Protein backbone atom coordinates (compact mmCIF):
# COMPACT_ATOMS: atom_id res chain seq x y z
CA MET A 1 -11.38 -38.54 30.08
CA ALA A 2 -13.20 -35.68 28.36
CA LEU A 3 -12.98 -35.25 24.60
CA ALA A 4 -11.28 -32.15 23.22
CA LEU A 5 -13.71 -29.44 22.11
CA ASN A 6 -11.67 -28.42 19.03
CA VAL A 7 -8.96 -30.36 17.23
CA TYR A 8 -7.03 -29.17 14.17
CA GLN A 9 -6.03 -31.74 11.56
CA THR A 10 -3.84 -31.43 8.47
CA VAL A 11 -4.04 -34.18 5.88
CA THR A 12 -1.56 -34.48 3.02
CA GLY A 13 -1.14 -37.02 0.29
CA ILE A 14 -0.72 -37.84 -3.36
CA ALA A 15 -3.95 -38.32 -5.28
CA SER A 16 -4.21 -41.42 -7.45
CA THR A 17 -6.42 -42.53 -10.30
CA ILE A 18 -8.43 -44.57 -7.79
CA ALA A 19 -10.84 -42.45 -5.73
CA THR A 20 -9.46 -42.43 -2.19
CA VAL A 21 -10.92 -41.14 1.07
CA ALA A 22 -8.65 -38.28 2.15
CA TYR A 23 -10.55 -37.38 5.33
CA THR A 24 -13.55 -38.62 7.32
CA ALA A 25 -15.15 -36.66 10.16
CA PRO A 26 -14.80 -38.85 13.26
CA ILE A 27 -17.65 -40.07 15.45
CA GLY A 28 -18.85 -37.29 17.75
CA TYR A 29 -17.25 -34.50 15.70
CA SER A 30 -18.07 -32.29 12.75
CA GLY A 31 -15.18 -31.45 10.46
CA ILE A 32 -14.96 -27.91 9.13
CA VAL A 33 -12.74 -27.90 6.05
CA LEU A 34 -10.78 -24.67 6.19
CA LEU A 35 -8.57 -25.31 3.16
CA ALA A 36 -8.24 -27.90 0.43
CA GLN A 37 -5.53 -27.36 -2.15
CA ALA A 38 -3.91 -29.46 -4.86
CA SER A 39 -0.64 -28.96 -6.73
CA ASN A 40 0.54 -30.42 -10.01
CA VAL A 41 4.23 -31.27 -9.65
CA GLY A 42 4.44 -33.11 -12.97
CA SER A 43 5.39 -32.16 -16.49
CA ASN A 44 1.89 -32.44 -18.02
CA THR A 45 -1.48 -30.90 -17.21
CA GLN A 46 -3.36 -33.18 -14.79
CA SER A 47 -6.94 -33.16 -13.55
CA VAL A 48 -8.37 -33.60 -10.07
CA THR A 49 -11.79 -34.63 -8.78
CA LEU A 50 -12.98 -33.89 -5.23
CA LYS A 51 -16.22 -35.32 -3.82
CA HIS A 52 -18.22 -35.04 -0.64
CA GLN A 53 -19.38 -38.51 0.35
CA ARG A 54 -22.17 -39.36 2.79
CA THR A 55 -23.29 -42.87 3.70
CA VAL A 56 -26.62 -43.44 5.41
CA GLY A 57 -27.38 -47.09 6.03
CA ILE A 58 -26.44 -48.87 2.81
CA THR A 59 -26.85 -45.80 0.58
CA THR A 60 -23.79 -43.77 -0.35
CA THR A 61 -24.22 -40.38 -2.01
CA ASP A 62 -21.31 -38.69 -3.78
CA THR A 63 -21.50 -34.98 -4.54
CA GLU A 64 -18.78 -33.69 -6.83
CA LEU A 65 -17.23 -30.43 -5.67
CA LEU A 66 -14.82 -30.52 -8.63
CA PHE A 67 -14.89 -32.94 -11.54
CA ASP A 68 -11.85 -33.41 -13.78
CA PHE A 69 -10.64 -29.94 -12.86
CA PRO A 70 -7.50 -29.16 -14.89
CA LEU A 71 -4.27 -28.36 -13.03
CA PRO A 72 -1.61 -26.85 -15.32
CA ILE A 73 2.05 -27.81 -15.06
CA ASN A 74 3.73 -26.47 -11.89
CA ASP A 75 0.51 -24.88 -10.66
CA SER A 76 -1.84 -25.26 -7.72
CA SER A 77 -5.46 -24.48 -7.00
CA SER A 78 -7.90 -24.24 -4.13
CA LEU A 79 -10.35 -27.12 -4.35
CA ILE A 80 -13.09 -25.43 -2.32
CA GLN A 81 -14.11 -21.82 -1.91
CA GLY A 82 -15.03 -20.85 1.62
CA LYS A 83 -15.66 -23.47 4.31
CA LEU A 84 -17.25 -26.91 4.05
CA VAL A 85 -18.90 -28.66 7.01
CA LEU A 86 -18.64 -32.43 7.15
CA GLU A 87 -21.00 -34.14 9.56
CA THR A 88 -19.90 -37.23 11.50
CA ASN A 89 -18.82 -39.98 9.05
CA ASP A 90 -18.94 -37.66 5.99
CA SER A 91 -15.81 -37.95 3.85
CA LEU A 92 -13.79 -36.05 1.27
CA VAL A 93 -12.78 -38.30 -1.61
CA ILE A 94 -10.07 -37.31 -4.06
CA SER A 95 -8.75 -38.70 -7.35
CA ALA A 96 -6.52 -37.49 -10.16
CA SER A 97 -5.69 -38.31 -13.75
CA ASN A 98 -2.22 -39.57 -12.74
CA ASP A 99 -0.90 -41.59 -9.78
CA THR A 100 2.13 -39.44 -8.95
CA ASP A 101 1.79 -35.79 -9.95
CA VAL A 102 -1.09 -34.33 -7.91
CA LYS A 103 -0.32 -33.59 -4.27
CA TYR A 104 -2.96 -32.29 -1.88
CA ILE A 105 -3.27 -30.69 1.53
CA ILE A 106 -6.48 -30.41 3.55
CA SER A 107 -6.83 -28.41 6.77
CA VAL A 108 -9.76 -29.32 9.03
CA LEU A 109 -11.11 -28.02 12.32
CA GLU A 110 -12.86 -30.86 14.13
CA THR A 111 -15.39 -29.56 16.62
CA LEU A 112 -17.16 -31.69 19.21
CA ASN A 113 -20.87 -32.32 18.63
CA GLN A 114 -22.75 -31.49 21.81
C-alpha cells in the first residue's frame, strides 16, 4: 500500500512542568508546523517554553524557540511566527510553569519525503 503524500495532523494537550514531546515528524515524512498556539486558562500569569529537538546518533540538540515566555491570565499567544520544518525524527518539546493551566494546539502538515 502506498503512503499518503500529505497528511494533516492536529495535536492538543496540556503542557506540564516536565518537558514533553508534543510532536515528532514520523519516519519518511517532514512535518511542516503551520500553527503552534498556547493559552493560559488559569488565574495567574504562566510561562511556556517551546524547543526544537534533533537527535543524531547519541547527540540530542535542543534549540529554544521560546524560553519562559509569559502568558497573561486568560490570554493566548502564537508560539512560532511563520512555518517551521521538522525533518524526520525532529520533535517539538513543550513545557510550562504549571501543570494544569497552559493548553496548546499544534497544526502540522506531514509531507512524504521522496
